């Protein structure tokens, strides 16, 4: 490992964890002493204005796409309002299309000066490898900022059946668990302050429209808080919410993993959450017990899925700055989990054609996520990792450096050759 990478990555690890500040700055709190602990969240003035651009044909039943196909599709992507972004959590809709939620999103230079080059989040709907972006009338973020003007970053996404009270033409309910983030002064400096849940409904026109949103957990600048919704799984009458926590221990960049659950019909009601305490489910969040420790723990955001009856987490082994992605597999949502390294995923490897000894730039690979619903080669599971650079101006000049990289790993439970 180069000296530059050895010096850079521990610092970036703390920044990615939102833990570089000794004290989190206080957000501006509206209202007086009688303000409720959870603020009301509205869909905003863009509600109901979403469209798909460009339009894609319906998916072809039985069609598969390899990691190479997805990498080619993203290499060729040239959308005015999406040039690169991180995260990319996904869920399959009832018609076979896939909805994707992205974090910080770089747009084409041509949007300036009327619009900013970067917004907090964005959304795709894909049909096979045909990519449509969901855009609203204002061309802003697909998830508006919190009432405290905190950034909203998607973490995990689920697809639910229509609920009583949804419009007659609704085919899908898309639930997005998000972190509320207070940005700092630098590119990777931030504090996670709580979890917000947003709901999109997909009607007859096939476009996800933001229907409602709510703060799920109270707002707190406590750096030792558990970030609930970092992963989520729907299983019958329950949604299992996985949470991550950075311990603050020196040279430990992995996050502890916790699990809670909430009734599927009350997923916007934080008071309905039950927390696993190591032996049972109970209502007190402070009694939550980790199901994975931090030393060989996970990234701040990860994917957890039910894959052929198995509970499967996919993340970096030991945190985002480490060089191996792994699967944690269990037959129970609370573990015990068996870990298996499955893919080299260098935390600071530059892409092809970039100088690995460039002393001015740090290249990052972080937040690997699995996409088990996307049909690919038999016995394989599609995965992706976010990429970025520490030089923001370089990212604006070459946004392709911030596009995800896809790969395939053995599908848990599949017969081995």
Protein backbone atom coordinates (compact mmCIF):
# COMPACT_ATOMS: atom_id res chain seq x y z
CA UNK A 1 0.00 0.00 0.00
CA UNK A 2 1.39 3.41 -0.96
CA UNK A 3 2.39 5.88 1.74
CA UNK A 4 -0.24 8.31 0.42
CA UNK A 5 -3.01 5.72 0.82
CA UNK A 6 -1.74 4.66 4.27
CA UNK A 7 -2.00 8.25 5.49
CA UNK A 8 -5.21 9.16 3.68
CA UNK A 9 -7.54 6.26 4.34
CA UNK A 10 -7.72 6.40 8.16
CA UNK A 11 -8.70 10.08 7.95
CA UNK A 12 -11.26 9.34 5.24
CA UNK A 13 -12.55 6.47 7.37
CA UNK A 14 -13.38 8.90 10.17
CA UNK A 15 -14.96 11.31 7.72
CA UNK A 16 -17.10 8.56 6.17
CA UNK A 17 -18.22 7.63 9.67
CA UNK A 18 -19.15 11.24 10.39
CA UNK A 19 -16.85 11.16 13.39
CA UNK A 20 -14.01 13.57 12.70
CA UNK A 21 -15.54 16.39 14.71
CA UNK A 22 -15.04 16.22 18.47
CA UNK A 23 -18.42 17.87 18.89
CA UNK A 24 -21.29 17.86 16.46
CA UNK A 25 -22.54 21.38 15.73
CA UNK A 26 -26.15 22.00 16.72
CA UNK A 27 -28.73 22.31 13.99
CA UNK A 28 -31.18 25.15 14.14
CA UNK A 29 -34.27 23.92 15.99
CA UNK A 30 -37.57 25.55 15.01
CA UNK A 31 -40.27 26.32 17.50
CA UNK A 32 -40.21 26.73 21.27
CA UNK A 33 -39.92 24.41 24.27
CA UNK A 34 -43.24 22.72 23.47
CA UNK A 35 -42.06 21.59 20.02
CA UNK A 36 -42.65 17.83 19.66
CA UNK A 37 -39.49 15.66 19.46
CA UNK A 38 -40.41 14.48 15.95
CA UNK A 39 -41.01 17.29 13.46
CA UNK A 40 -43.72 17.08 10.82
CA UNK A 41 -42.39 16.38 7.32
CA UNK A 42 -44.30 17.27 4.16
CA UNK A 43 -43.70 15.99 0.62
CA UNK A 44 -43.05 19.56 -0.54
CA UNK A 45 -44.20 21.59 -3.51
CA UNK A 46 -42.85 19.05 -6.01
CA UNK A 47 -45.25 16.32 -4.83
CA UNK A 48 -47.09 14.76 -7.75
CA UNK A 49 -44.88 16.34 -10.43
CA UNK A 50 -42.45 13.47 -11.03
CA UNK A 51 -41.83 12.17 -14.55
CA UNK A 52 -39.49 9.60 -16.13
CA UNK A 53 -36.80 10.74 -18.53
CA UNK A 54 -36.14 9.08 -20.88
CA UNK A 55 -38.91 6.52 -21.18
CA UNK A 56 -37.94 2.84 -21.25
CA UNK A 57 -39.81 -0.14 -22.75
CA UNK A 58 -41.33 -2.73 -20.39
CA UNK A 59 -38.87 -5.33 -19.05
CA UNK A 60 -38.47 -8.55 -21.00
CA UNK A 61 -39.59 -11.53 -18.86
CA UNK A 62 -36.70 -13.86 -18.08
CA UNK A 63 -34.04 -11.50 -19.41
CA UNK A 64 -30.80 -11.44 -17.41
CA UNK A 65 -28.07 -8.82 -17.24
CA UNK A 66 -24.49 -9.39 -16.12
CA UNK A 67 -22.26 -7.04 -14.16
CA UNK A 68 -20.51 -6.27 -17.44
CA UNK A 69 -23.86 -5.23 -18.95
CA UNK A 70 -24.55 -2.87 -16.03
CA UNK A 71 -21.06 -1.38 -16.10
CA UNK A 72 -21.47 -0.70 -19.82
CA UNK A 73 -24.89 0.90 -19.25
CA UNK A 74 -23.48 3.24 -16.60
CA UNK A 75 -20.37 4.01 -18.66
CA UNK A 76 -22.60 5.17 -21.52
CA UNK A 77 -25.06 7.07 -19.32
CA UNK A 78 -25.35 10.77 -20.12
CA UNK A 79 -28.27 12.41 -18.31
CA UNK A 80 -28.52 16.15 -17.79
CA UNK A 81 -29.56 15.72 -14.15
CA UNK A 82 -27.44 12.64 -13.30
CA UNK A 83 -23.78 12.30 -14.09
CA UNK A 84 -22.71 10.39 -10.98
CA UNK A 85 -23.90 9.51 -7.47
CA UNK A 86 -23.21 7.14 -4.61
CA UNK A 87 -25.26 4.45 -2.80
CA UNK A 88 -27.79 3.02 -5.30
CA UNK A 89 -30.11 0.96 -3.07
CA UNK A 90 -32.64 -0.95 -5.15
CA UNK A 91 -36.00 -2.74 -4.99
CA UNK A 92 -37.98 -4.54 -7.70
CA UNK A 93 -41.44 -3.24 -8.59
CA UNK A 94 -44.39 -5.52 -9.31
CA UNK A 95 -43.99 -5.15 -13.10
CA UNK A 96 -40.32 -6.21 -13.07
CA UNK A 97 -38.85 -2.72 -13.24
CA UNK A 98 -36.36 -1.70 -10.55
CA UNK A 99 -36.31 1.50 -8.48
CA UNK A 100 -32.91 2.86 -7.36
CA UNK A 101 -32.21 5.53 -4.71
CA UNK A 102 -28.98 7.53 -4.86
CA UNK A 103 -27.17 9.89 -2.49
CA UNK A 104 -25.17 13.01 -3.44
CA UNK A 105 -25.76 13.44 -7.18
CA UNK A 106 -23.62 15.37 -9.65
CA UNK A 107 -25.44 16.88 -12.64
CA UNK A 108 -24.15 18.11 -15.99
CA UNK A 109 -22.34 21.44 -16.06
CA UNK A 110 -25.09 22.79 -18.32
CA UNK A 111 -27.54 23.01 -15.38
CA UNK A 112 -25.59 25.95 -13.95
CA UNK A 113 -26.08 28.74 -12.99
CA UNK A 114 -29.84 28.20 -12.60
CA UNK A 115 -29.38 24.94 -10.67
CA UNK A 116 -26.60 23.55 -8.45
CA UNK A 117 -24.19 20.96 -9.84
CA UNK A 118 -24.88 18.68 -6.86
CA UNK A 119 -28.12 17.74 -5.08
CA UNK A 120 -28.65 15.56 -2.01
CA UNK A 121 -30.29 12.59 -3.71
CA UNK A 122 -31.89 11.20 -6.87
CA UNK A 123 -33.90 8.24 -8.20
CA UNK A 124 -33.87 5.89 -11.20
CA UNK A 125 -36.37 3.39 -12.55
CA UNK A 126 -34.74 0.80 -14.78
CA UNK A 127 -36.17 -1.71 -17.24
CA UNK A 128 -33.44 -4.22 -17.93
CA UNK A 129 -30.40 -1.98 -18.35
CA UNK A 130 -32.46 0.89 -19.80
CA UNK A 131 -32.21 3.73 -17.27
CA UNK A 132 -34.85 6.41 -16.63
CA UNK A 133 -34.31 9.17 -14.11
CA UNK A 134 -37.21 10.31 -11.94
CA UNK A 135 -37.23 14.11 -12.07
CA UNK A 136 -39.61 16.67 -10.60
CA UNK A 137 -40.79 20.04 -11.80
CA UNK A 138 -38.10 21.95 -9.91
CA UNK A 139 -35.33 19.51 -10.97
CA UNK A 140 -34.15 19.42 -7.36
CA UNK A 141 -33.50 16.44 -5.09
CA UNK A 142 -36.11 13.70 -5.27
CA UNK A 143 -36.33 13.81 -1.44
CA UNK A 144 -36.62 17.38 -0.12
CA UNK A 145 -34.61 18.55 2.84
CA UNK A 146 -35.74 18.06 6.43
CA UNK A 147 -37.62 20.91 8.23
CA UNK A 148 -34.27 21.74 9.89
CA UNK A 149 -32.75 21.95 6.38
CA UNK A 150 -30.76 18.79 7.01
CA UNK A 151 -29.66 16.78 3.99
CA UNK A 152 -31.63 13.58 3.32
CA UNK A 153 -29.53 10.61 2.20
CA UNK A 154 -31.31 7.37 1.22
CA UNK A 155 -30.01 4.24 2.96
CA UNK A 156 -32.32 1.32 2.11
CA UNK A 157 -35.48 0.78 0.09
CA UNK A 158 -38.37 -1.73 0.17
CA UNK A 159 -41.33 -2.45 -2.06
CA UNK A 160 -44.73 -3.11 -0.37
CA UNK A 161 -48.15 -4.01 -1.71
CA UNK A 162 -50.78 -1.22 -1.88
CA UNK A 163 -52.31 -0.32 1.49
CA UNK A 164 -55.91 0.37 2.44
CA UNK A 165 -56.53 3.98 1.50
CA UNK A 166 -54.09 4.06 -1.44
CA UNK A 167 -55.60 5.15 -4.76
CA UNK A 168 -57.24 2.41 -6.81
CA UNK A 169 -54.53 2.50 -9.49
CA UNK A 170 -51.58 2.16 -7.07
CA UNK A 171 -49.53 -0.94 -7.84
CA UNK A 172 -46.51 -0.42 -5.59
CA UNK A 173 -45.60 1.33 -2.36
CA UNK A 174 -41.90 2.19 -2.18
CA UNK A 175 -40.55 2.78 1.34
CA UNK A 176 -37.20 4.57 1.67
CA UNK A 177 -35.33 4.75 4.97
CA UNK A 178 -33.05 7.80 5.00
CA UNK A 179 -30.48 9.43 7.23
CA UNK A 180 -30.82 13.10 8.19
CA UNK A 181 -27.38 14.59 7.78
CA UNK A 182 -25.80 17.81 8.95
CA UNK A 183 -23.03 18.73 6.57
CA UNK A 184 -19.74 20.15 7.76
CA UNK A 185 -17.24 22.44 6.12
CA UNK A 186 -15.45 19.79 4.07
CA UNK A 187 -16.46 17.31 1.39
CA UNK A 188 -16.54 14.26 3.69
CA UNK A 189 -17.41 16.00 6.96
CA UNK A 190 -20.92 15.26 8.23
CA UNK A 191 -22.96 14.24 11.26
CA UNK A 192 -25.90 11.81 11.05
CA UNK A 193 -28.70 13.10 13.27
CA UNK A 194 -31.58 10.66 12.79
CA UNK A 195 -33.71 8.54 10.47
CA UNK A 196 -36.54 9.71 8.21
CA UNK A 197 -38.86 7.43 6.25
CA UNK A 198 -40.33 8.47 2.88
CA UNK A 199 -43.12 6.79 0.92
CA UNK A 200 -43.58 6.77 -2.85
CA UNK A 201 -46.62 5.33 -4.59
CA UNK A 202 -46.54 4.02 -8.15
CA UNK A 203 -49.82 4.47 -10.02
CA UNK A 204 -51.10 3.79 -13.49
CA UNK A 205 -48.49 6.01 -15.16
CA UNK A 206 -45.68 3.92 -13.64
CA UNK A 207 -43.96 6.92 -12.03
CA UNK A 208 -43.02 6.90 -8.31
CA UNK A 209 -44.60 9.96 -6.67
CA UNK A 210 -43.61 11.12 -3.19
CA UNK A 211 -46.74 10.65 -1.05
CA UNK A 212 -45.64 11.20 2.55
CA UNK A 213 -42.63 11.33 4.84
CA UNK A 214 -41.98 11.32 8.59
CA UNK A 215 -39.14 11.47 11.05
CA UNK A 216 -38.80 7.94 12.42
CA UNK A 217 -36.25 8.66 15.16
CA UNK A 218 -35.59 11.85 17.15
CA UNK A 219 -32.98 14.35 16.04
CA UNK A 220 -29.72 14.04 17.97
CA UNK A 221 -26.11 15.06 17.27
CA UNK A 222 -24.80 12.19 19.45
CA UNK A 223 -21.99 10.56 17.46
CA UNK A 224 -22.51 7.26 19.30
CA UNK A 225 -26.12 6.88 18.13
CA UNK A 226 -27.30 3.86 16.17
CA UNK A 227 -28.28 4.77 12.60
CA UNK A 228 -31.48 2.77 12.08
CA UNK A 229 -32.49 1.88 8.53
CA UNK A 230 -28.92 1.40 7.27
CA UNK A 231 -30.39 -1.87 5.95
CA UNK A 232 -34.00 -3.08 5.87
CA UNK A 233 -35.86 -6.31 5.13
CA UNK A 234 -39.57 -7.02 4.66
CA UNK A 235 -40.68 -10.36 6.11
CA UNK A 236 -44.44 -10.81 6.36
CA UNK A 237 -45.93 -8.70 9.15
CA UNK A 238 -42.57 -7.17 10.12
CA UNK A 239 -40.00 -4.86 8.63
CA UNK A 240 -36.56 -5.51 10.13
CA UNK A 241 -34.47 -2.38 10.46
CA UNK A 242 -30.74 -2.83 10.75
CA UNK A 243 -28.73 -0.11 12.43
CA UNK A 244 -25.01 0.68 12.46
CA UNK A 245 -22.92 2.44 15.08
CA UNK A 246 -19.35 3.71 15.03
CA UNK A 247 -17.70 2.98 18.38
CA UNK A 248 -15.13 5.78 18.17
CA UNK A 249 -12.37 3.33 19.08
CA UNK A 250 -8.97 4.20 17.61
CA UNK A 251 -8.13 2.44 14.34
CA UNK A 252 -11.51 0.68 14.26
CA UNK A 253 -13.36 1.69 11.10
CA UNK A 254 -15.98 -1.03 11.05
CA UNK A 255 -19.45 -0.40 12.49
CA UNK A 256 -21.37 -2.52 14.96
CA UNK A 257 -24.59 -3.95 13.53
CA UNK A 258 -27.90 -3.92 15.42
CA UNK A 259 -31.40 -5.06 14.49
CA UNK A 260 -34.89 -3.84 15.35
CA UNK A 261 -38.31 -4.53 13.89
CA UNK A 262 -41.48 -2.57 13.24
CA UNK A 263 -44.94 -3.81 12.17
CA UNK A 264 -45.37 -3.57 8.41
CA UNK A 265 -48.61 -1.61 8.85
CA UNK A 266 -46.93 0.93 11.20
CA UNK A 267 -43.59 1.51 9.47
CA UNK A 268 -43.85 5.30 9.89
CA UNK A 269 -44.42 5.11 13.67
CA UNK A 270 -41.14 5.11 15.57
CA UNK A 271 -42.93 4.28 18.83
CA UNK A 272 -43.80 0.86 17.35
CA UNK A 273 -40.16 -0.23 16.98
CA UNK A 274 -38.97 -3.25 18.96
CA UNK A 275 -35.23 -3.69 19.57
CA UNK A 276 -33.24 -6.91 19.84
CA UNK A 277 -31.41 -6.99 23.19
CA UNK A 278 -29.49 -10.21 22.58
CA UNK A 279 -32.25 -12.46 23.90
CA UNK A 280 -35.63 -10.95 23.02
CA UNK A 281 -37.49 -8.08 21.37
CA UNK A 282 -38.32 -5.15 23.66
CA UNK A 283 -39.26 -1.46 23.43
CA UNK A 284 -36.22 0.26 24.97
CA UNK A 285 -33.66 1.38 22.34
CA UNK A 286 -30.87 1.75 24.92
CA UNK A 287 -30.96 -2.00 25.53
CA UNK A 288 -30.12 -2.81 21.91
CA UNK A 289 -27.32 -5.37 21.63
CA UNK A 290 -25.06 -5.70 18.58
CA UNK A 291 -25.37 -8.80 16.42
CA UNK A 292 -21.96 -8.01 14.88
CA UNK A 293 -19.00 -6.31 16.53
CA UNK A 294 -17.08 -3.37 15.11
CA UNK A 295 -13.58 -4.82 14.61
CA UNK A 296 -14.76 -7.07 11.78
CA UNK A 297 -17.93 -5.05 11.33
CA UNK A 298 -19.66 -3.43 8.39
CA UNK A 299 -19.86 -0.12 6.58
CA UNK A 300 -22.11 2.66 7.84
CA UNK A 301 -24.70 1.73 5.19
CA UNK A 302 -25.08 -1.84 3.93
CA UNK A 303 -27.58 -4.14 2.26
CA UNK A 304 -29.49 -6.86 4.10
CA UNK A 305 -31.83 -9.12 2.12
CA UNK A 306 -33.81 -12.31 2.38
CA UNK A 307 -32.20 -14.47 -0.30
CA UNK A 308 -33.84 -17.86 -0.85
CA UNK A 309 -34.82 -18.06 2.82
CA UNK A 310 -31.46 -16.84 4.18
CA UNK A 311 -30.74 -13.51 5.85
CA UNK A 312 -27.83 -12.07 3.90
CA UNK A 313 -25.85 -8.92 4.69
CA UNK A 314 -23.33 -7.58 2.19
CA UNK A 315 -20.74 -4.95 3.10
CA UNK A 316 -17.05 -4.18 3.54
CA UNK A 317 -15.41 -6.48 6.11
CA UNK A 318 -14.05 -4.10 8.74
CA UNK A 319 -15.55 -0.91 7.32
CA UNK A 320 -15.41 1.17 4.17
CA UNK A 321 -11.65 1.75 4.02
CA UNK A 322 -10.89 -1.97 4.02
CA UNK A 323 -10.22 -3.95 0.86
CA UNK A 324 -12.59 -6.94 0.97
CA UNK A 325 -16.37 -7.20 0.62
CA UNK A 326 -18.08 -10.04 2.44
CA UNK A 327 -21.37 -11.85 2.95
CA UNK A 328 -22.80 -12.44 6.41
CA UNK A 329 -25.36 -15.25 6.28
CA UNK A 330 -27.84 -16.55 8.87
CA UNK A 331 -31.15 -18.39 8.98
CA UNK A 332 -32.44 -15.82 11.52
CA UNK A 333 -32.66 -12.02 11.31
CA UNK A 334 -30.66 -11.69 14.55
CA UNK A 335 -27.92 -14.17 13.65
CA UNK A 336 -25.60 -15.75 14.47
CA UNK A 337 -24.05 -14.81 11.16
CA UNK A 338 -21.36 -16.70 9.27
CA UNK A 339 -19.03 -14.35 7.41
CA UNK A 340 -17.48 -15.18 4.06
CA UNK A 341 -15.16 -12.81 2.14
CA UNK A 342 -16.27 -12.89 -1.49
CA UNK A 343 -14.76 -10.00 -3.47
CA UNK A 344 -11.68 -7.79 -3.53
CA UNK A 345 -12.93 -4.22 -3.15
CA UNK A 346 -9.94 -1.93 -2.56
CA UNK A 347 -10.81 1.04 -0.35
CA UNK A 348 -8.50 3.39 -2.24
CA UNK A 349 -7.83 1.86 -5.65
CA UNK A 350 -7.86 4.33 -8.57
CA UNK A 351 -9.82 3.37 -11.68
CA UNK A 352 -8.06 2.22 -14.83
CA UNK A 353 -6.03 4.95 -16.43
CA UNK A 354 -5.63 7.04 -13.25
CA UNK A 355 -2.25 7.52 -11.61
CA UNK A 356 -2.10 5.43 -8.38
CA UNK A 357 0.73 7.61 -7.05
CA UNK A 358 -1.06 10.95 -7.51
CA UNK A 359 -0.27 12.71 -4.23
CA UNK A 360 -3.17 15.14 -4.56
CA UNK A 361 -6.10 12.75 -5.00
CA UNK A 362 -7.62 10.00 -2.90
CA UNK A 363 -9.67 7.36 -4.73
CA UNK A 364 -12.42 5.70 -2.72
CA UNK A 365 -14.54 2.58 -3.00
CA UNK A 366 -17.19 2.38 -0.29
CA UNK A 367 -20.75 1.28 0.61
CA UNK A 368 -20.96 -1.99 -1.34
CA UNK A 369 -24.59 -3.11 -1.79
CA UNK A 370 -26.15 -6.31 -3.09
CA UNK A 371 -28.99 -6.42 -5.63
CA UNK A 372 -30.34 -9.98 -5.33
CA UNK A 373 -33.63 -9.17 -7.11
CA UNK A 374 -31.89 -8.24 -10.35
CA UNK A 375 -31.73 -11.34 -12.59
CA UNK A 376 -28.18 -12.22 -13.57
CA UNK A 377 -26.13 -15.36 -14.26
CA UNK A 378 -27.37 -18.58 -12.57
CA UNK A 379 -25.80 -19.06 -9.14
CA UNK A 380 -24.58 -15.45 -9.06
CA UNK A 381 -25.76 -12.29 -7.30
CA UNK A 382 -25.28 -8.79 -8.64
CA UNK A 383 -23.44 -6.36 -6.35
CA UNK A 384 -22.15 -2.79 -6.73
CA UNK A 385 -19.81 -0.44 -4.90
CA UNK A 386 -19.78 3.36 -4.77
CA UNK A 387 -16.73 5.17 -6.08
CA UNK A 388 -15.50 8.70 -5.49
CA UNK A 389 -12.49 10.98 -5.25
CA UNK A 390 -11.45 13.32 -2.46
CA UNK A 391 -10.93 16.20 -4.93
CA UNK A 392 -14.39 17.74 -5.46
CA UNK A 393 -13.32 19.84 -8.44
CA UNK A 394 -11.91 16.74 -10.08
CA UNK A 395 -15.25 15.00 -9.52
CA UNK A 396 -17.08 17.90 -11.18
CA UNK A 397 -14.66 17.83 -14.12
CA UNK A 398 -14.82 14.03 -14.47
CA UNK A 399 -18.06 12.83 -12.85
CA UNK A 400 -17.59 9.36 -14.36
CA UNK A 401 -15.13 8.74 -11.50
CA UNK A 402 -18.13 8.77 -9.14
CA UNK A 403 -20.21 6.11 -10.90
CA UNK A 404 -20.82 2.69 -9.29
CA UNK A 405 -18.86 -0.39 -10.23
CA UNK A 406 -20.80 -3.66 -10.63
CA UNK A 407 -19.62 -7.22 -10.04
CA UNK A 408 -21.05 -10.67 -9.36
CA UNK A 409 -20.54 -12.87 -6.29
CA UNK A 410 -21.78 -16.41 -5.53
CA UNK A 411 -25.45 -16.34 -4.56
CA UNK A 412 -25.89 -17.65 -1.01
CA UNK A 413 -27.63 -20.99 -0.90
CA UNK A 414 -26.85 -21.80 -4.54
CA UNK A 415 -25.15 -25.14 -5.27
CA UNK A 416 -21.41 -24.79 -5.76
CA UNK A 417 -19.80 -26.27 -8.89
